[in-house]
Amino acid sequence: MPDRNLDFGNAPPRFKGKVITDAMAGNITRVEELAYILKIKDVMTSELKTVTANHTMRHVMDTLREYRISGVPVVEGNTKLVGLVSTEDLIRCLVNQDIDKIVAEYMTTDLVTVNSFDYLTEALKLFAKTKLGRLPVLG
């Protein structure tokens, strides 16, 4: 079988710029290959539950429990992302006995985001670098 030039457009670093022989192709795992082919839009959650900054943390607790999720975007209007609130924020709130405080007092506003047309590898790198549990997807 002839050698193949597997140009994913965003090849795994150890293979970038190299012609991939059939022998080498066996070293690329399917997961690794997909991470360099798939876009974030291909794997992201698209049906989001959201809250506003004026909702109470009690509302957040009910939402997280009802939908069995660990965090929700905080939006202004229907589309403008202004923060995130997570189970970690809810725990801080419960420890402080502030369940009726508004989301704005507990949400994270310093957000790290990705674009839906970025390769999945970009999100994976950010997850590893930042140790975040979720990345809002824009665009």
N, C-alpha and C. Protein backbone atom coordinates (compact mmCIF):
# COMPACT_ATOMS: atom_id res chain seq x y z
N MET A 1 0.83 -1.18 0.00
CA MET A 1 0.00 0.00 0.00
C MET A 1 0.88 1.25 0.00
N PRO A 2 0.49 2.28 -0.75
CA PRO A 2 1.31 3.49 -0.79
C PRO A 2 1.17 4.31 0.48
N ASP A 3 2.18 5.16 0.71
CA ASP A 3 2.10 6.08 1.84
C ASP A 3 0.99 7.09 1.58
N ARG A 4 0.44 7.60 2.68
CA ARG A 4 -0.64 8.58 2.55
C ARG A 4 -0.22 9.86 3.24
N ASN A 5 -0.57 10.96 2.62
CA ASN A 5 -0.34 12.25 3.25
C ASN A 5 -1.66 12.63 3.92
N LEU A 6 -1.77 12.37 5.20
CA LEU A 6 -2.99 12.67 5.94
C LEU A 6 -2.92 14.10 6.42
N ASP A 7 -3.42 14.98 5.62
CA ASP A 7 -3.41 16.40 5.99
C ASP A 7 -4.77 16.74 6.56
N PHE A 8 -4.85 16.78 7.89
CA PHE A 8 -6.10 17.11 8.56
C PHE A 8 -6.30 18.61 8.59
N GLY A 9 -5.35 19.38 8.13
CA GLY A 9 -5.43 20.82 8.24
C GLY A 9 -4.94 21.28 9.61
N ASN A 10 -4.94 20.37 10.54
CA ASN A 10 -4.54 20.68 11.92
C ASN A 10 -4.00 19.37 12.50
N ALA A 11 -2.99 18.83 11.89
CA ALA A 11 -2.49 17.49 12.22
C ALA A 11 -1.92 17.41 13.63
N PRO A 12 -1.96 16.19 14.21
CA PRO A 12 -1.32 16.00 15.51
C PRO A 12 0.13 16.47 15.44
N PRO A 13 0.61 17.18 16.46
CA PRO A 13 1.95 17.78 16.42
C PRO A 13 3.05 16.81 16.02
N ARG A 14 3.00 15.58 16.54
CA ARG A 14 4.09 14.66 16.22
C ARG A 14 4.07 14.20 14.77
N PHE A 15 2.99 14.51 14.03
CA PHE A 15 2.89 14.12 12.63
C PHE A 15 2.85 15.32 11.69
N LYS A 16 2.82 16.52 12.23
CA LYS A 16 2.65 17.73 11.41
C LYS A 16 3.77 17.85 10.39
N GLY A 17 3.38 18.08 9.14
CA GLY A 17 4.33 18.28 8.07
C GLY A 17 5.01 17.02 7.58
N LYS A 18 4.57 15.87 8.06
CA LYS A 18 5.19 14.61 7.65
C LYS A 18 4.22 13.81 6.78
N VAL A 19 4.78 13.04 5.91
CA VAL A 19 3.97 12.08 5.17
C VAL A 19 3.75 10.90 6.10
N ILE A 20 2.50 10.52 6.27
CA ILE A 20 2.17 9.44 7.18
C ILE A 20 2.21 8.12 6.42
N THR A 21 3.10 7.27 6.81
CA THR A 21 3.17 5.95 6.19
C THR A 21 2.11 5.06 6.82
N ASP A 22 1.79 3.97 6.16
CA ASP A 22 0.81 3.05 6.73
C ASP A 22 1.26 2.55 8.09
N ALA A 23 2.54 2.35 8.25
CA ALA A 23 3.07 1.88 9.54
C ALA A 23 2.85 2.95 10.61
N MET A 24 3.05 4.22 10.25
CA MET A 24 2.87 5.31 11.22
C MET A 24 1.39 5.55 11.51
N ALA A 25 0.53 5.34 10.53
CA ALA A 25 -0.90 5.62 10.69
C ALA A 25 -1.49 4.81 11.83
N GLY A 26 -0.93 3.65 12.09
CA GLY A 26 -1.41 2.83 13.20
C GLY A 26 -1.18 3.48 14.56
N ASN A 27 -0.28 4.45 14.62
CA ASN A 27 0.02 5.13 15.89
C ASN A 27 -0.93 6.29 16.18
N ILE A 28 -1.76 6.65 15.23
CA ILE A 28 -2.74 7.71 15.46
C ILE A 28 -4.01 7.05 15.96
N THR A 29 -4.39 7.35 17.19
CA THR A 29 -5.61 6.77 17.72
C THR A 29 -6.81 7.44 17.07
N ARG A 30 -7.92 6.77 17.07
CA ARG A 30 -9.14 7.33 16.48
C ARG A 30 -9.55 8.60 17.23
N VAL A 31 -9.41 8.60 18.53
CA VAL A 31 -9.75 9.78 19.33
C VAL A 31 -8.86 10.95 18.94
N GLU A 32 -7.56 10.69 18.80
CA GLU A 32 -6.62 11.75 18.42
C GLU A 32 -6.96 12.28 17.03
N GLU A 33 -7.26 11.39 16.13
CA GLU A 33 -7.61 11.79 14.78
C GLU A 33 -8.86 12.68 14.79
N LEU A 34 -9.88 12.26 15.52
CA LEU A 34 -11.12 13.03 15.58
C LEU A 34 -10.93 14.40 16.20
N ALA A 35 -10.07 14.49 17.21
CA ALA A 35 -9.83 15.78 17.87
C ALA A 35 -9.25 16.80 16.91
N TYR A 36 -8.56 16.34 15.88
CA TYR A 36 -7.97 17.24 14.90
C TYR A 36 -8.85 17.45 13.67
N ILE A 37 -9.93 16.70 13.60
CA ILE A 37 -10.85 16.83 12.47
C ILE A 37 -12.13 17.54 12.88
N LEU A 38 -12.66 17.18 14.05
CA LEU A 38 -13.94 17.73 14.49
C LEU A 38 -13.82 19.17 14.95
N LYS A 39 -14.87 19.90 14.70
CA LYS A 39 -14.98 21.26 15.20
C LYS A 39 -15.77 21.21 16.52
N ILE A 40 -15.61 22.23 17.33
CA ILE A 40 -16.32 22.28 18.60
C ILE A 40 -17.83 22.19 18.38
N LYS A 41 -18.33 22.80 17.32
CA LYS A 41 -19.76 22.77 17.03
C LYS A 41 -20.29 21.35 16.84
N ASP A 42 -19.40 20.41 16.49
CA ASP A 42 -19.79 19.03 16.26
C ASP A 42 -20.05 18.27 17.56
N VAL A 43 -19.54 18.76 18.68
CA VAL A 43 -19.65 18.00 19.93
C VAL A 43 -20.24 18.80 21.10
N MET A 44 -20.52 20.08 20.89
CA MET A 44 -20.97 20.92 22.00
C MET A 44 -22.44 20.66 22.34
N THR A 45 -22.80 20.99 23.57
CA THR A 45 -24.19 20.96 23.98
C THR A 45 -24.87 22.18 23.38
N SER A 46 -25.97 21.98 22.70
CA SER A 46 -26.61 23.12 22.04
C SER A 46 -27.92 23.54 22.70
N GLU A 47 -28.54 22.66 23.45
CA GLU A 47 -29.78 23.01 24.13
C GLU A 47 -29.46 23.38 25.57
N LEU A 48 -29.18 24.66 25.78
CA LEU A 48 -28.74 25.12 27.10
C LEU A 48 -29.88 25.60 27.96
N LYS A 49 -29.75 25.37 29.23
CA LYS A 49 -30.59 26.00 30.23
C LYS A 49 -29.80 27.21 30.69
N THR A 50 -30.46 28.33 30.89
CA THR A 50 -29.77 29.55 31.31
C THR A 50 -30.49 30.18 32.49
N VAL A 51 -29.78 31.07 33.16
CA VAL A 51 -30.36 31.90 34.22
C VAL A 51 -29.93 33.34 33.96
N THR A 52 -30.54 34.26 34.68
CA THR A 52 -30.12 35.66 34.58
C THR A 52 -29.40 36.04 35.87
N ALA A 53 -28.71 37.14 35.83
CA ALA A 53 -27.96 37.62 37.00
C ALA A 53 -28.89 37.99 38.14
N ASN A 54 -30.16 38.23 37.84
CA ASN A 54 -31.12 38.61 38.88
C ASN A 54 -31.88 37.43 39.48
N HIS A 55 -31.71 36.24 38.92
CA HIS A 55 -32.31 35.06 39.53
C HIS A 55 -31.64 34.83 40.89
N THR A 56 -32.32 34.08 41.75
CA THR A 56 -31.71 33.74 43.04
C THR A 56 -30.89 32.47 42.89
N MET A 57 -30.00 32.27 43.82
CA MET A 57 -29.21 31.04 43.84
C MET A 57 -30.13 29.84 44.10
N ARG A 58 -31.24 30.06 44.77
CA ARG A 58 -32.23 28.99 44.96
C ARG A 58 -32.74 28.52 43.59
N HIS A 59 -32.99 29.47 42.70
CA HIS A 59 -33.43 29.13 41.34
C HIS A 59 -32.34 28.32 40.62
N VAL A 60 -31.10 28.71 40.80
CA VAL A 60 -29.98 27.96 40.22
C VAL A 60 -29.97 26.53 40.77
N MET A 61 -30.10 26.40 42.08
CA MET A 61 -30.10 25.08 42.71
C MET A 61 -31.22 24.21 42.11
N ASP A 62 -32.41 24.77 41.98
CA ASP A 62 -33.54 24.03 41.42
C ASP A 62 -33.28 23.64 39.96
N THR A 63 -32.69 24.55 39.20
CA THR A 63 -32.40 24.29 37.79
C THR A 63 -31.35 23.18 37.64
N LEU A 64 -30.28 23.27 38.42
CA LEU A 64 -29.23 22.25 38.35
C LEU A 64 -29.79 20.88 38.72
N ARG A 65 -30.61 20.85 39.74
CA ARG A 65 -31.19 19.58 40.20
C ARG A 65 -32.17 19.04 39.15
N GLU A 66 -33.06 19.89 38.67
CA GLU A 66 -34.09 19.44 37.72
C GLU A 66 -33.50 18.87 36.44
N TYR A 67 -32.47 19.53 35.92
CA TYR A 67 -31.91 19.10 34.64
C TYR A 67 -30.64 18.25 34.79
N ARG A 68 -30.27 17.97 36.05
CA ARG A 68 -29.10 17.13 36.34
C ARG A 68 -27.85 17.64 35.61
N ILE A 69 -27.59 18.92 35.81
CA ILE A 69 -26.42 19.56 35.19
C ILE A 69 -25.57 20.20 36.28
N SER A 70 -24.34 20.56 35.94
CA SER A 70 -23.41 21.07 36.95
C SER A 70 -23.11 22.56 36.81
N GLY A 71 -23.74 23.21 35.85
CA GLY A 71 -23.52 24.64 35.68
C GLY A 71 -24.42 25.19 34.60
N VAL A 72 -24.64 26.50 34.66
CA VAL A 72 -25.47 27.16 33.65
C VAL A 72 -24.88 28.51 33.26
N PRO A 73 -25.04 28.88 31.99
CA PRO A 73 -24.63 30.22 31.57
C PRO A 73 -25.57 31.26 32.18
N VAL A 74 -25.01 32.41 32.48
CA VAL A 74 -25.80 33.54 32.96
C VAL A 74 -25.91 34.51 31.78
N VAL A 75 -27.14 34.82 31.39
CA VAL A 75 -27.34 35.66 30.21
C VAL A 75 -28.10 36.93 30.55
N GLU A 76 -27.88 37.91 29.71
CA GLU A 76 -28.61 39.17 29.77
C GLU A 76 -29.45 39.19 28.50
N GLY A 77 -30.76 39.40 28.64
CA GLY A 77 -31.61 39.24 27.47
C GLY A 77 -31.63 37.76 27.13
N ASN A 78 -31.69 37.43 25.86
CA ASN A 78 -31.68 36.02 25.47
C ASN A 78 -30.35 35.54 24.94
N THR A 79 -29.43 36.48 24.67
CA THR A 79 -28.23 36.05 23.96
C THR A 79 -26.90 36.51 24.55
N LYS A 80 -26.87 37.57 25.32
CA LYS A 80 -25.58 38.09 25.78
C LYS A 80 -25.10 37.33 27.02
N LEU A 81 -23.98 36.63 26.86
CA LEU A 81 -23.38 35.88 27.96
C LEU A 81 -22.66 36.85 28.90
N VAL A 82 -23.03 36.80 30.18
CA VAL A 82 -22.39 37.70 31.16
C VAL A 82 -21.67 36.93 32.26
N GLY A 83 -21.85 35.61 32.31
CA GLY A 83 -21.17 34.84 33.35
C GLY A 83 -21.56 33.38 33.32
N LEU A 84 -21.03 32.66 34.29
CA LEU A 84 -21.36 31.25 34.50
C LEU A 84 -21.59 31.05 35.99
N VAL A 85 -22.48 30.15 36.32
CA VAL A 85 -22.66 29.77 37.72
C VAL A 85 -22.67 28.24 37.76
N SER A 86 -21.94 27.68 38.72
CA SER A 86 -21.73 26.23 38.77
C SER A 86 -22.06 25.67 40.14
N THR A 87 -21.97 24.35 40.24
CA THR A 87 -22.20 23.72 41.54
C THR A 87 -21.21 24.23 42.57
N GLU A 88 -19.99 24.54 42.16
CA GLU A 88 -19.00 25.09 43.09
C GLU A 88 -19.47 26.42 43.66
N ASP A 89 -20.05 27.27 42.80
CA ASP A 89 -20.59 28.55 43.26
C ASP A 89 -21.77 28.31 44.20
N LEU A 90 -22.60 27.33 43.87
CA LEU A 90 -23.75 27.01 44.71
C LEU A 90 -23.29 26.52 46.08
N ILE A 91 -22.26 25.72 46.13
CA ILE A 91 -21.73 25.24 47.41
C ILE A 91 -21.24 26.41 48.25
N ARG A 92 -20.51 27.34 47.63
CA ARG A 92 -20.06 28.54 48.37
C ARG A 92 -21.26 29.29 48.94
N CYS A 93 -22.29 29.40 48.14
CA CYS A 93 -23.51 30.09 48.55
C CYS A 93 -24.16 29.38 49.74
N LEU A 94 -24.25 28.07 49.67
CA LEU A 94 -24.87 27.30 50.75
C LEU A 94 -24.06 27.39 52.04
N VAL A 95 -22.74 27.33 51.91
CA VAL A 95 -21.87 27.46 53.09
C VAL A 95 -22.09 28.81 53.75
N ASN A 96 -22.29 29.84 52.95
CA ASN A 96 -22.53 31.19 53.47
C ASN A 96 -23.99 31.44 53.85
N GLN A 97 -24.81 30.42 53.67
CA GLN A 97 -26.26 30.51 53.95
C GLN A 97 -26.89 31.69 53.20
N ASP A 98 -26.55 31.78 51.91
CA ASP A 98 -27.02 32.88 51.06
C ASP A 98 -27.93 32.40 49.93
N ILE A 99 -28.70 31.37 50.14
CA ILE A 99 -29.46 30.76 49.05
C ILE A 99 -30.42 31.72 48.36
N ASP A 100 -30.82 32.78 49.03
CA ASP A 100 -31.73 33.73 48.41
C ASP A 100 -31.03 34.96 47.83
N LYS A 101 -29.70 34.93 47.81
CA LYS A 101 -28.92 36.01 47.16
C LYS A 101 -29.05 35.85 45.65
N ILE A 102 -28.78 36.93 44.92
CA ILE A 102 -28.90 36.86 43.47
C ILE A 102 -27.63 36.25 42.84
N VAL A 103 -27.82 35.69 41.67
CA VAL A 103 -26.74 35.03 40.93
C VAL A 103 -25.56 35.96 40.72
N ALA A 104 -25.81 37.24 40.47
CA ALA A 104 -24.74 38.21 40.21
C ALA A 104 -23.68 38.21 41.31
N GLU A 105 -24.06 37.86 42.53
CA GLU A 105 -23.11 37.87 43.64
C GLU A 105 -22.20 36.64 43.67
N TYR A 106 -22.55 35.60 42.92
CA TYR A 106 -21.77 34.37 42.96
C TYR A 106 -21.23 33.91 41.61
N MET A 107 -21.75 34.45 40.53
CA MET A 107 -21.34 33.96 39.20
C MET A 107 -19.89 34.33 38.88
N THR A 108 -19.30 33.54 38.00
CA THR A 108 -17.97 33.82 37.47
C THR A 108 -18.14 34.71 36.25
N THR A 109 -17.42 35.82 36.22
CA THR A 109 -17.54 36.74 35.08
C THR A 109 -16.28 36.80 34.22
N ASP A 110 -15.18 36.29 34.74
CA ASP A 110 -13.93 36.26 33.98
C ASP A 110 -13.93 34.97 33.17
N LEU A 111 -14.51 35.02 31.98
CA LEU A 111 -14.77 33.81 31.20
C LEU A 111 -13.69 33.52 30.17
N VAL A 112 -13.39 32.26 30.02
CA VAL A 112 -12.54 31.76 28.94
C VAL A 112 -13.51 31.12 27.96
N THR A 113 -13.50 31.57 26.71
CA THR A 113 -14.46 31.07 25.73
C THR A 113 -13.75 30.48 24.52
N VAL A 114 -14.50 29.73 23.74
CA VAL A 114 -14.01 29.18 22.47
C VAL A 114 -15.02 29.52 21.39
N ASN A 115 -14.61 29.38 20.14
CA ASN A 115 -15.48 29.61 19.01
C ASN A 115 -15.99 28.27 18.48
N SER A 116 -17.22 28.23 18.04
CA SER A 116 -17.80 26.96 17.58
C SER A 116 -17.07 26.38 16.37
N PHE A 117 -16.34 27.22 15.63
CA PHE A 117 -15.64 26.73 14.44
C PHE A 117 -14.17 26.37 14.72
N ASP A 118 -13.74 26.50 15.99
CA ASP A 118 -12.40 26.05 16.37
C ASP A 118 -12.36 24.52 16.34
N TYR A 119 -11.17 23.98 16.14
CA TYR A 119 -11.01 22.54 16.24
C TYR A 119 -11.16 22.11 17.69
N LEU A 120 -11.63 20.91 17.89
CA LEU A 120 -11.81 20.36 19.23
C LEU A 120 -10.51 20.41 20.03
N THR A 121 -9.38 20.31 19.36
CA THR A 121 -8.10 20.36 20.06
C THR A 121 -7.92 21.67 20.82
N GLU A 122 -8.46 22.76 20.31
CA GLU A 122 -8.34 24.05 21.00
C GLU A 122 -9.04 24.00 22.35
N ALA A 123 -10.23 23.42 22.38
CA ALA A 123 -10.96 23.29 23.65
C ALA A 123 -10.21 22.36 24.60
N LEU A 124 -9.69 21.27 24.09
CA LEU A 124 -8.96 20.32 24.94
C LEU A 124 -7.73 20.97 25.55
N LYS A 125 -7.02 21.79 24.76
CA LYS A 125 -5.84 22.50 25.29
C LYS A 125 -6.25 23.46 26.40
N LEU A 126 -7.35 24.18 26.20
CA LEU A 126 -7.82 25.12 27.23
C LEU A 126 -8.28 24.40 28.49
N PHE A 127 -8.97 23.27 28.33
CA PHE A 127 -9.36 22.49 29.50
C PHE A 127 -8.13 22.08 30.30
N ALA A 128 -7.11 21.60 29.61
CA ALA A 128 -5.89 21.16 30.28
C ALA A 128 -5.15 22.33 30.93
N LYS A 129 -5.07 23.44 30.24
CA LYS A 129 -4.31 24.60 30.73
C LYS A 129 -5.00 25.30 31.90
N THR A 130 -6.31 25.45 31.82
CA THR A 130 -7.04 26.25 32.80
C THR A 130 -7.66 25.45 33.93
N LYS A 131 -7.79 24.14 33.73
CA LYS A 131 -8.45 23.25 34.71
C LYS A 131 -9.93 23.61 34.90
N LEU A 132 -10.52 24.27 33.91
CA LEU A 132 -11.94 24.62 33.97
C LEU A 132 -12.80 23.40 33.66
N GLY A 133 -14.01 23.41 34.14
CA GLY A 133 -14.93 22.31 33.89
C GLY A 133 -15.86 22.54 32.72
N ARG A 134 -15.92 23.79 32.26
CA ARG A 134 -16.79 24.11 31.14
C ARG A 134 -16.23 25.32 30.39
N LEU A 135 -16.49 25.34 29.10
CA LEU A 135 -16.05 26.45 28.25
C LEU A 135 -17.24 26.95 27.44
N PRO A 136 -17.67 28.17 27.65
CA PRO A 136 -18.75 28.71 26.82
C PRO A 136 -18.29 28.80 25.36
N VAL A 137 -19.20 28.45 24.47
CA VAL A 137 -18.90 28.47 23.04
C VAL A 137 -19.61 29.67 22.42
N LEU A 138 -18.84 30.51 21.75
CA LEU A 138 -19.39 31.68 21.08
C LEU A 138 -19.28 31.50 19.58
N GLY A 139 -20.18 32.14 18.86
CA GLY A 139 -20.10 32.14 17.39
C GLY A 139 -20.46 30.88 16.72
